[in-house]
C-alpha atoms as a PDB file:
ATOM      1  CA  MET A   1      -1.550  34.765  18.439  1.00  0.00           C
ATOM      2  CA  HIS A   2      -4.308  32.466  17.450  1.00  0.00           C
ATOM      3  CA  GLY A   3      -5.842  32.820  20.553  1.00  0.00           C
ATOM      4  CA  SER A   4      -5.345  36.761  21.099  1.00  0.00           C
ATOM      5  CA  LEU A   5      -7.043  36.963  17.946  1.00  0.00           C
ATOM      6  CA  SER A   6      -9.677  35.149  18.677  1.00  0.00           C
ATOM      7  CA  ALA A   7     -10.521  37.064  21.698  1.00  0.00           C
ATOM      8  CA  MET A   8     -10.794  40.468  19.847  1.00  0.00           C
ATOM      9  CA  PRO A   9     -14.410  40.131  18.745  1.00  0.00           C
ATOM     10  CA  ALA A  10     -15.263  39.452  22.506  1.00  0.00           C
ATOM     11  CA  ALA A  11     -13.220  42.097  23.367  1.00  0.00           C
ATOM     12  CA  ARG A  12     -15.138  44.526  20.991  1.00  0.00           C
ATOM     13  CA  SER A  13     -18.585  42.937  21.695  1.00  0.00           C
ATOM     14  CA  LEU A  14     -18.158  44.183  25.736  1.00  0.00           C
ATOM     15  CA  ARG A  15     -17.253  47.774  24.376  1.00  0.00           C
ATOM     16  CA  THR A  16     -20.222  48.439  22.024  1.00  0.00           C
ATOM     17  CA  GLY A  17     -22.413  45.074  23.145  1.00  0.00           C
ATOM     18  CA  SER A  18     -23.734  44.294  19.850  1.00  0.00           C
ATOM     19  CA  ALA A  19     -21.873  40.588  19.984  1.00  0.00           C
ATOM     20  CA  ALA A  20     -22.065  40.203  23.529  1.00  0.00           C
ATOM     21  CA  GLN A  21     -26.086  39.558  23.077  1.00  0.00           C
ATOM     22  CA  PRO A  22     -27.681  37.411  20.507  1.00  0.00           C
ATOM     23  CA  PRO A  23     -30.732  38.744  18.950  1.00  0.00           C
ATOM     24  CA  SER A  24     -33.028  35.881  21.027  1.00  0.00           C
ATOM     25  CA  LYS A  25     -31.430  37.276  24.747  1.00  0.00           C
ATOM     26  CA  ARG A  26     -32.122  40.867  23.137  1.00  0.00           C
ATOM     27  CA  GLY A  27     -36.100  39.921  22.689  1.00  0.00           C
ATOM     28  CA  PHE A  28     -36.443  38.130  25.784  1.00  0.00           C
ATOM     29  CA  ALA A  29     -34.869  41.016  27.664  1.00  0.00           C
ATOM     30  CA  LYS A  30     -37.338  43.503  26.370  1.00  0.00           C
ATOM     31  CA  ARG A  31     -40.560  41.284  26.395  1.00  0.00           C
ATOM     32  CA  ALA A  32     -39.615  40.729  30.570  1.00  0.00           C
ATOM     33  CA  LEU A  33     -39.093  45.090  30.534  1.00  0.00           C
ATOM     34  CA  ALA A  34     -42.713  45.352  28.822  1.00  0.00           C
ATOM     35  CA  PHE A  35     -43.983  42.659  31.300  1.00  0.00           C
ATOM     36  CA  ALA A  36     -42.683  44.762  34.468  1.00  0.00           C
ATOM     37  CA  LYS A  37     -43.773  47.776  33.146  1.00  0.00           C
ATOM     38  CA  ARG A  38     -47.558  46.471  32.865  1.00  0.00           C
ATOM     39  CA  ALA A  39     -47.312  44.521  35.928  1.00  0.00           C
ATOM     40  CA  LEU A  40     -46.209  47.475  38.521  1.00  0.00           C
ATOM     41  CA  PRO A  41     -48.502  50.375  38.849  1.00  0.00           C
ATOM     42  CA  ARG A  42     -48.179  53.056  37.367  1.00  0.00           C
ATOM     43  CA  LYS A  43     -49.192  54.995  40.711  1.00  0.00           C
ATOM     44  CA  ALA A  44     -50.032  54.983  44.335  1.00  0.00           C
ATOM     45  CA  PRO A  45     -53.556  53.669  45.205  1.00  0.00           C
ATOM     46  CA  PRO A  46     -56.025  56.018  45.937  1.00  0.00           C
ATOM     47  CA  GLY A  47     -55.533  57.242  49.576  1.00  0.00           C
ATOM     48  CA  PHE A  48     -52.503  55.602  49.859  1.00  0.00           C
ATOM     49  CA  PRO A  49     -50.051  56.652  52.331  1.00  0.00           C
ATOM     50  CA  LEU A  50     -52.407  59.032  54.167  1.00  0.00           C
ATOM     51  CA  LEU A  51     -54.781  55.906  55.390  1.00  0.00           C
ATOM     52  CA  TRP A  52     -52.185  53.333  56.367  1.00  0.00           C
ATOM     53  CA  VAL A  53     -50.486  56.594  58.622  1.00  0.00           C
ATOM     54  CA  ALA A  54     -53.999  57.113  60.021  1.00  0.00           C
ATOM     55  CA  CYS A  55     -54.663  53.670  60.747  1.00  0.00           C
ATOM     56  CA  PHE A  56     -51.168  53.037  62.163  1.00  0.00           C
ATOM     57  CA  ALA A  57     -51.539  56.221  64.558  1.00  0.00           C
ATOM     58  CA  ALA A  58     -55.407  55.009  65.279  1.00  0.00           C
ATOM     59  CA  ALA A  59     -53.335  51.396  66.568  1.00  0.00           C
ATOM     60  CA  LEU A  60     -51.169  53.393  68.285  1.00  0.00           C
ATOM     61  CA  LEU A  61     -53.838  55.718  70.007  1.00  0.00           C
ATOM     62  CA  MET A  62     -56.123  52.468  71.269  1.00  0.00           C
ATOM     63  CA  ILE A  63     -52.793  50.823  72.549  1.00  0.00           C
ATOM     64  CA  VAL A  64     -51.726  53.947  74.948  1.00  0.00           C
ATOM     65  CA  THR A  65     -54.930  54.052  76.036  1.00  0.00           C
ATOM     66  CA  GLY A  66     -56.209  51.090  76.013  1.00  0.00           C
ATOM     67  CA  GLY A  67     -59.513  51.257  73.992  1.00  0.00           C
ATOM     68  CA  PHE A  68     -62.475  48.443  73.631  1.00  0.00           C
ATOM     69  CA  ASN A  69     -61.381  47.215  77.478  1.00  0.00           C
ATOM     70  CA  THR A  70     -57.818  46.152  76.082  1.00  0.00           C
ATOM     71  CA  GLY A  71     -56.024  47.330  78.298  1.00  0.00           C
ATOM     72  CA  ARG A  72     -56.328  44.758  81.624  1.00  0.00           C
ATOM     73  CA  LEU A  73     -54.218  42.854  77.889  1.00  0.00           C
ATOM     74  CA  PRO A  74     -50.678  42.896  79.060  1.00  0.00           C
ATOM     75  CA  LEU A  75     -48.572  45.049  75.987  1.00  0.00           C
ATOM     76  CA  GLY A  76     -47.214  42.580  73.944  1.00  0.00           C
ATOM     77  CA  PRO A  77     -50.863  41.058  73.170  1.00  0.00           C
ATOM     78  CA  ARG A  78     -52.429  44.265  73.204  1.00  0.00           C
ATOM     79  CA  ILE A  79     -49.821  45.631  70.416  1.00  0.00           C
ATOM     80  CA  ALA A  80     -50.142  42.549  68.395  1.00  0.00           C
ATOM     81  CA  PHE A  81     -54.166  42.863  68.137  1.00  0.00           C
ATOM     82  CA  TRP A  82     -54.236  46.740  67.222  1.00  0.00           C
ATOM     83  CA  LEU A  83     -51.863  46.254  64.739  1.00  0.00           C
ATOM     84  CA  LEU A  84     -53.737  43.248  63.532  1.00  0.00           C
ATOM     85  CA  LEU A  85     -57.136  44.944  63.820  1.00  0.00           C
ATOM     86  CA  MET A  86     -56.280  48.059  62.312  1.00  0.00           C
ATOM     87  CA  GLY A  87     -53.922  46.574  59.875  1.00  0.00           C
ATOM     88  CA  TRP A  88     -57.191  44.431  58.298  1.00  0.00           C
ATOM     89  CA  ASN A  89     -59.203  47.363  58.309  1.00  0.00           C
ATOM     90  CA  ALA A  90     -56.869  50.145  55.914  1.00  0.00           C
ATOM     91  CA  LEU A  91     -56.711  46.814  53.256  1.00  0.00           C
ATOM     92  CA  LYS A  92     -60.310  46.452  53.051  1.00  0.00           C
ATOM     93  CA  TRP A  93     -60.784  50.322  52.939  1.00  0.00           C
ATOM     94  CA  GLN A  94     -57.514  50.604  50.661  1.00  0.00           C
ATOM     95  CA  LEU A  95     -59.090  48.158  48.027  1.00  0.00           C
ATOM     96  CA  LEU A  96     -62.672  49.761  48.091  1.00  0.00           C
ATOM     97  CA  PHE A  97     -60.674  53.373  47.351  1.00  0.00           C
ATOM     98  CA  ALA A  98     -58.779  51.274  44.763  1.00  0.00           C
ATOM     99  CA  TRP A  99     -61.892  50.126  43.366  1.00  0.00           C
ATOM    100  CA  GLY A 100     -64.046  53.071  43.517  1.00  0.00           C
ATOM    101  CA  VAL A 101     -62.025  56.627  43.333  1.00  0.00           C
ATOM    102  CA  ARG A 102     -61.203  57.975  40.228  1.00  0.00           C
ATOM    103  CA  LYS A 103     -61.474  61.665  40.825  1.00  0.00           C
ATOM    104  CA  ASP A 104     -61.774  63.732  43.298  1.00  0.00           C
ATOM    105  CA  SER A 105     -65.706  63.933  43.768  1.00  0.00           C
ATOM    106  CA  ASP A 106     -65.586  60.214  44.094  1.00  0.00           C
ATOM    107  CA  TRP A 107     -64.602  60.503  47.741  1.00  0.00           C
ATOM    108  CA  PRO A 108     -67.751  61.319  50.193  1.00  0.00           C
ATOM    109  CA  ARG A 109     -69.713  58.850  47.719  1.00  0.00           C
ATOM    110  CA  ILE A 110     -67.009  55.625  47.869  1.00  0.00           C
ATOM    111  CA  SER A 111     -66.817  56.643  51.527  1.00  0.00           C
ATOM    112  CA  LEU A 112     -70.509  55.916  52.897  1.00  0.00           C
ATOM    113  CA  LEU A 113     -70.690  53.398  50.474  1.00  0.00           C
ATOM    114  CA  GLY A 114     -68.480  51.527  52.983  1.00  0.00           C
ATOM    115  CA  THR A 115     -69.155  52.685  55.845  1.00  0.00           C
ATOM    116  CA  ILE A 116     -71.752  50.186  56.848  1.00  0.00           C
ATOM    117  CA  PRO A 117     -70.499  47.017  54.651  1.00  0.00           C
ATOM    118  CA  LEU A 118     -67.042  47.661  56.063  1.00  0.00           C
ATOM    119  CA  ASN A 119     -67.861  48.089  59.642  1.00  0.00           C
ATOM    120  CA  LEU A 120     -70.756  45.520  60.187  1.00  0.00           C
ATOM    121  CA  PRO A 121     -68.562  42.665  60.482  1.00  0.00           C
ATOM    122  CA  LEU A 122     -65.951  44.561  63.193  1.00  0.00           C
ATOM    123  CA  PRO A 123     -67.309  42.703  65.888  1.00  0.00           C
ATOM    124  CA  LEU A 124     -66.197  39.245  64.186  1.00  0.00           C
ATOM    125  CA  GLU A 125     -62.664  40.803  63.473  1.00  0.00           C
ATOM    126  CA  ILE A 126     -61.948  41.948  66.877  1.00  0.00           C
ATOM    127  CA  TRP A 127     -62.996  38.473  67.931  1.00  0.00           C
ATOM    128  CA  ALA A 128     -60.560  36.799  65.358  1.00  0.00           C
ATOM    129  CA  CYS A 129     -57.744  38.929  66.159  1.00  0.00           C
ATOM    130  CA  ALA A 130     -58.396  38.495  70.000  1.00  0.00           C
ATOM    131  CA  TRP A 131     -57.625  34.745  69.387  1.00  0.00           C
ATOM    132  CA  LEU A 132     -55.635  35.363  67.424  1.00  0.00           C
ATOM    133  CA  VAL A 133     -53.090  36.582  69.732  1.00  0.00           C
ATOM    134  CA  GLY A 134     -54.425  34.471  72.305  1.00  0.00           C
ATOM    135  CA  THR A 135     -56.452  36.500  74.194  1.00  0.00           C
ATOM    136  CA  PRO A 136     -60.427  35.239  74.176  1.00  0.00           C
ATOM    137  CA  MET A 137     -63.136  37.921  73.606  1.00  0.00           C
ATOM    138  CA  GLN A 138     -66.599  38.605  73.371  1.00  0.00           C
ATOM    139  CA  PRO A 139     -67.090  41.884  72.123  1.00  0.00           C
ATOM    140  CA  ILE A 140     -70.673  43.603  72.429  1.00  0.00           C
ATOM    141  CA  PRO A 141     -72.160  44.647  68.617  1.00  0.00           C
ATOM    142  CA  HIS A 142     -73.541  47.551  69.096  1.00  0.00           C
ATOM    143  CA  GLU A 143     -71.031  48.928  71.841  1.00  0.00           C
ATOM    144  CA  ILE A 144     -68.497  48.365  68.873  1.00  0.00           C
ATOM    145  CA  TRP A 145     -70.183  49.439  66.105  1.00  0.00           C
ATOM    146  CA  GLY A 146     -70.741  52.801  68.031  1.00  0.00           C
ATOM    147  CA  ARG A 147     -67.166  53.152  68.776  1.00  0.00           C
ATOM    148  CA  ALA A 148     -66.341  52.496  65.442  1.00  0.00           C
ATOM    149  CA  ALA A 149     -68.613  54.933  63.636  1.00  0.00           C
ATOM    150  CA  ALA A 150     -66.948  57.490  66.462  1.00  0.00           C
ATOM    151  CA  ILE A 151     -62.920  56.275  65.431  1.00  0.00           C
ATOM    152  CA  SER A 152     -63.717  55.990  61.705  1.00  0.00           C
ATOM    153  CA  VAL A 153     -64.955  59.456  61.584  1.00  0.00           C
ATOM    154  CA  VAL A 154     -62.032  60.813  63.415  1.00  0.00           C
ATOM    155  CA  ILE A 155     -60.048  59.239  61.188  1.00  0.00           C
ATOM    156  CA  PHE A 156     -61.261  60.372  57.842  1.00  0.00           C
ATOM    157  CA  THR A 157     -61.685  63.909  59.330  1.00  0.00           C
ATOM    158  CA  VAL A 158     -58.066  63.421  59.809  1.00  0.00           C
ATOM    159  CA  CYS A 159     -57.120  62.538  56.370  1.00  0.00           C
ATOM    160  CA  SER A 160     -59.148  65.377  54.916  1.00  0.00           C
ATOM    161  CA  VAL A 161     -57.967  68.123  56.696  1.00  0.00           C
ATOM    162  CA  VAL A 162     -54.490  66.896  55.986  1.00  0.00           C
ATOM    163  CA  ALA A 163     -54.236  65.912  52.484  1.00  0.00           C
ATOM    164  CA  TRP A 164     -55.933  69.465  51.967  1.00  0.00           C
ATOM    165  CA  LEU A 165     -52.729  70.995  53.393  1.00  0.00           C
ATOM    166  CA  VAL A 166     -50.253  68.540  51.967  1.00  0.00           C
ATOM    167  CA  LEU A 167     -52.110  68.759  48.277  1.00  0.00           C
ATOM    168  CA  ARG A 168     -52.338  72.867  48.945  1.00  0.00           C
ATOM    169  CA  ARG A 169     -48.684  72.835  49.361  1.00  0.00           C
ATOM    170  CA  MET A 170     -47.732  70.582  47.318  1.00  0.00           C
ATOM    171  CA  ARG A 171     -49.577  71.674  43.954  1.00  0.00           C
ATOM    172  CA  PRO A 172     -49.550  75.374  44.361  1.00  0.00           C
ATOM    173  CA  VAL A 173     -49.013  75.522  40.608  1.00  0.00           C
ATOM    174  CA  ARG A 174     -52.452  75.160  38.640  1.00  0.00           C
ATOM    175  CA  ALA A 175     -53.204  74.683  34.774  1.00  0.00           C
ATOM    176  CA  GLU A 176     -53.801  78.563  34.408  1.00  0.00           C
ATOM    177  CA  THR A 177     -50.468  79.319  36.133  1.00  0.00           C
ATOM    178  CA  GLY A 178     -48.113  76.598  34.833  1.00  0.00           C
ATOM    179  CA  LEU A 179     -47.850  74.817  31.450  1.00  0.00           C
ATOM    180  CA  LEU A 180     -51.249  76.694  30.176  1.00  0.00           C
ATOM    181  CA  ALA A 181     -50.094  79.638  30.986  1.00  0.00           C
ATOM    182  CA  ARG A 182     -46.741  79.243  29.269  1.00  0.00           C
ATOM    183  CA  ALA A 183     -48.956  78.322  26.083  1.00  0.00           C
ATOM    184  CA  ARG A 184     -50.894  81.019  26.386  1.00  0.00           C
ATOM    185  CA  ILE A 185     -54.186  79.065  26.360  1.00  0.00           C
ATOM    186  CA  ALA A 186     -57.120  78.958  28.532  1.00  0.00           C
ATOM    187  CA  ALA A 187     -58.048  76.203  29.654  1.00  0.00           C
ATOM    188  CA  CYS A 188     -61.347  75.872  28.285  1.00  0.00           C
ATOM    189  CA  ASP A 189     -59.485  76.040  25.258  1.00  0.00           C
ATOM    190  CA  LEU A 190     -57.192  72.976  25.648  1.00  0.00           C
ATOM    191  CA  ALA A 191     -57.998  69.618  23.583  1.00  0.00           C
ATOM    192  CA  ALA A 192     -55.185  67.440  24.577  1.00  0.00           C
ATOM    193  CA  ILE A 193     -51.638  67.746  25.681  1.00  0.00           C
ATOM    194  CA  GLU A 194     -48.657  64.866  24.830  1.00  0.00           C
ATOM    195  CA  ALA A 195     -45.311  64.446  25.502  1.00  0.00           C
ATOM    196  CA  GLU A 196     -42.688  64.704  23.033  1.00  0.00           C
ATOM    197  CA  ASP A 197     -38.841  63.330  24.784  1.00  0.00           C
ATOM    198  CA  HIS A 198     -38.844  66.442  27.022  1.00  0.00           C
ATOM    199  CA  TYR A 199     -41.159  68.589  25.592  1.00  0.00           C
ATOM    200  CA  CYS A 200     -45.253  68.964  25.571  1.00  0.00           C
ATOM    201  CA  ARG A 201     -46.951  69.333  23.063  1.00  0.00           C
ATOM    202  CA  VAL A 202     -50.083  71.296  23.931  1.00  0.00           C
ATOM    203  CA  HIS A 203     -53.162  70.961  21.468  1.00  0.00           C
ATOM    204  CA  ARG A 204     -55.982  73.355  20.959  1.00  0.00           C
ATOM    205  CA  ARG A 205     -59.330  73.122  19.717  1.00  0.00           C
ATOM    206  CA  ASP A 206     -59.069  75.240  16.914  1.00  0.00           C
ATOM    207  CA  GLY A 207     -56.204  72.869  15.829  1.00  0.00           C
ATOM    208  CA  ARG A 208     -53.254  74.291  16.205  1.00  0.00           C
ATOM    209  CA  SER A 209     -50.550  73.394  18.766  1.00  0.00           C
ATOM    210  CA  GLU A 210     -47.512  74.279  20.799  1.00  0.00           C
ATOM    211  CA  LEU A 211     -44.252  72.497  21.402  1.00  0.00           C
ATOM    212  CA  LEU A 212     -42.922  73.734  25.078  1.00  0.00           C
ATOM    213  CA  HIS A 213     -39.929  72.031  27.212  1.00  0.00           C
ATOM    214  CA  TYR A 214     -41.885  70.868  29.965  1.00  0.00           C
ATOM    215  CA  ARG A 215     -42.323  67.941  32.016  1.00  0.00           C
ATOM    216  CA  PHE A 216     -45.113  65.455  31.567  1.00  0.00           C
ATOM    217  CA  GLY A 217     -45.680  64.968  34.978  1.00  0.00           C
ATOM    218  CA  ASP A 218     -45.917  68.375  36.176  1.00  0.00           C
ATOM    219  CA  ALA A 219     -48.654  69.002  33.235  1.00  0.00           C
ATOM    220  CA  LEU A 220     -50.465  66.210  34.389  1.00  0.00           C
ATOM    221  CA  GLU A 221     -50.621  67.107  38.183  1.00  0.00           C
ATOM    222  CA  GLU A 222     -51.776  71.090  36.895  1.00  0.00           C
ATOM    223  CA  VAL A 223     -54.546  69.468  35.129  1.00  0.00           C
ATOM    224  CA  ALA A 224     -55.379  66.811  36.941  1.00  0.00           C
ATOM    225  CA  ARG A 225     -58.667  69.249  38.594  1.00  0.00           C
ATOM    226  CA  LEU A 226     -59.977  70.090  34.409  1.00  0.00           C
ATOM    227  CA  ASP A 227     -62.167  66.827  33.495  1.00  0.00           C
ATOM    228  CA  GLY A 228     -60.022  65.011  31.279  1.00  0.00           C
ATOM    229  CA  LEU A 229     -58.404  61.712  31.087  1.00  0.00           C
ATOM    230  CA  GLN A 230     -54.564  60.024  30.720  1.00  0.00           C
ATOM    231  CA  VAL A 231     -55.057  57.964  27.807  1.00  0.00           C
ATOM    232  CA  HIS A 232     -51.015  57.013  27.430  1.00  0.00           C
ATOM    233  CA  ARG A 233     -48.145  57.049  28.989  1.00  0.00           C
ATOM    234  CA  GLY A 234     -47.518  60.274  27.625  1.00  0.00           C
ATOM    235  CA  ALA A 235     -50.741  61.350  26.494  1.00  0.00           C
ATOM    236  CA  TRP A 236     -54.044  63.543  28.752  1.00  0.00           C
ATOM    237  CA  VAL A 237     -57.419  64.374  26.738  1.00  0.00           C
ATOM    238  CA  ALA A 238     -59.884  66.675  28.025  1.00  0.00           C
ATOM    239  CA  ALA A 239     -63.030  65.303  28.179  1.00  0.00           C
ATOM    240  CA  ASP A 240     -64.972  67.886  25.750  1.00  0.00           C
ATOM    241  CA  ALA A 241     -63.106  67.898  23.370  1.00  0.00           C
ATOM    242  CA  VAL A 242     -63.365  64.200  22.441  1.00  0.00           C
ATOM    243  CA  GLN A 243     -64.568  63.901  19.166  1.00  0.00           C
ATOM    244  CA  GLY A 244     -64.538  60.366  18.490  1.00  0.00           C
ATOM    245  CA  ALA A 245     -62.264  57.409  18.212  1.00  0.00           C
ATOM    246  CA  THR A 246     -60.501  55.320  15.436  1.00  0.00           C
ATOM    247  CA  ARG A 247     -59.279  51.812  15.092  1.00  0.00           C
ATOM    248  CA  GLU A 248     -56.272  50.480  13.461  1.00  0.00           C
ATOM    249  CA  GLY A 249     -56.150  47.208  14.060  1.00  0.00           C
ATOM    250  CA  ARG A 250     -55.867  46.490  17.881  1.00  0.00           C
ATOM    251  CA  LYS A 251     -54.665  50.123  18.346  1.00  0.00           C
ATOM    252  CA  TRP A 252     -57.210  53.303  19.306  1.00  0.00           C
ATOM    253  CA  ARG A 253     -56.761  56.414  18.815  1.00  0.00           C
ATOM    254  CA  LEU A 254     -59.052  59.566  19.930  1.00  0.00           C
ATOM    255  CA  LEU A 255     -60.515  62.127  17.355  1.00  0.00           C
ATOM    256  CA  LEU A 256     -60.282  65.508  18.729  1.00  0.00           C
ATOM    257  CA  ALA A 257     -61.910  69.458  18.017  1.00  0.00           C
ATOM    258  CA  GLY A 258     -59.483  70.585  15.951  1.00  0.00           C
ATOM    259  CA  GLY A 259     -58.734  67.298  13.673  1.00  0.00           C
ATOM    260  CA  GLY A 260     -55.986  66.293  15.858  1.00  0.00           C
ATOM    261  CA  SER A 261     -55.365  62.954  17.208  1.00  0.00           C
ATOM    262  CA  VAL A 262     -53.746  61.093  19.984  1.00  0.00           C
ATOM    263  CA  PRO A 263     -53.033  57.372  21.050  1.00  0.00           C
ATOM    264  CA  VAL A 264     -54.812  55.073  23.393  1.00  0.00           C
ATOM    265  CA  SER A 265     -52.721  52.396  25.428  1.00  0.00           C
ATOM    266  CA  ALA A 266     -53.703  49.257  26.501  1.00  0.00           C
ATOM    267  CA  THR A 267     -53.074  50.595  29.966  1.00  0.00           C
ATOM    268  CA  TYR A 268     -55.839  52.959  29.787  1.00  0.00           C
ATOM    269  CA  ALA A 269     -58.110  52.135  27.437  1.00  0.00           C
ATOM    270  CA  ALA A 270     -60.611  50.474  29.671  1.00  0.00           C
ATOM    271  CA  GLU A 271     -61.092  54.134  31.271  1.00  0.00           C
ATOM    272  CA  ALA A 272     -61.548  55.454  28.110  1.00  0.00           C
ATOM    273  CA  ARG A 273     -64.214  52.727  27.201  1.00  0.00           C
ATOM    274  CA  ALA A 274     -66.152  53.533  30.775  1.00  0.00           C
ATOM    275  CA  ARG A 275     -66.111  57.328  29.252  1.00  0.00           C
ATOM    276  CA  GLY A 276     -67.807  56.251  25.950  1.00  0.00           C
ATOM    277  CA  TRP A 277     -64.810  57.437  24.238  1.00  0.00           C
ATOM    278  CA  LEU A 278     -64.084  53.926  22.315  1.00  0.00           C
ATOM    279  CA  ARG A 279     -67.690  52.809  20.939  1.00  0.00           C
ATOM    280  CA  ASN A 280     -68.936  52.827  17.160  1.00  0.00           C
ATOM    281  CA  PRO A 281     -64.928  53.508  15.988  1.00  0.00           C
ATOM    282  CA  ALA A 282     -64.928  55.644  12.980  1.00  0.00           C
ATOM    283  CA  LYS A 283     -63.294  55.077   9.924  1.00  0.00           C
ATOM    284  CA  PRO A 284     -59.550  56.277   9.471  1.00  0.00           C
END
């Protein structure tokens, strides 16, 4: 009897979850979850996965055609050589794009910026990849650079065309025909968008707002071409609607035209600061 009574609280805890986990463990779980959210990337880096697919396709083309005089190599070393070389170059470009691309207009500038410094060490990279697969080569630099330039032009042309076609198909809805159309607000009158559970609150620059049933992720895609910035996991602001900022302890809020405000999370604080929005905070 005593044993059955002692088992009752444990059984209740399985149903309710209140007694099964000590407060310290619940706190640890929350901290671990918060760390995971900060550590994991919120979205794919610029160019992924299209850049990698294009480089892999280029590697397959070079394997089949024996580009850079690799046709004399046995099939196994040739495959290994091209996968190593194109994989390394895809990684270099991916890191450059992740560093420099923040909006669509950044692509041409960053691509041109990386053309010379990223292709310059190509002869050394070819020698290193050949040495790793056991087939030493002595590449001629000027020939390598010319062919590399041609391959780069082809890769980025294909990426640009495919990206344009894919985005055109995947994003047929724009700000003027999606959330803003339902809110009956022009893009020039938009101040901010905030997520509230399964709803979005659309802030106008005259101080009014409207709550609509809408996915925040869809709203972000629709305003991607407007001049603005996501400043919180549930908040986006139009750039020219920001009137200043206020700080409460370690937390920031952006002050909007019309008198509203939105929070700035630590994840997006650096981008907001780069825009000059977090300087000289106003008094709350």
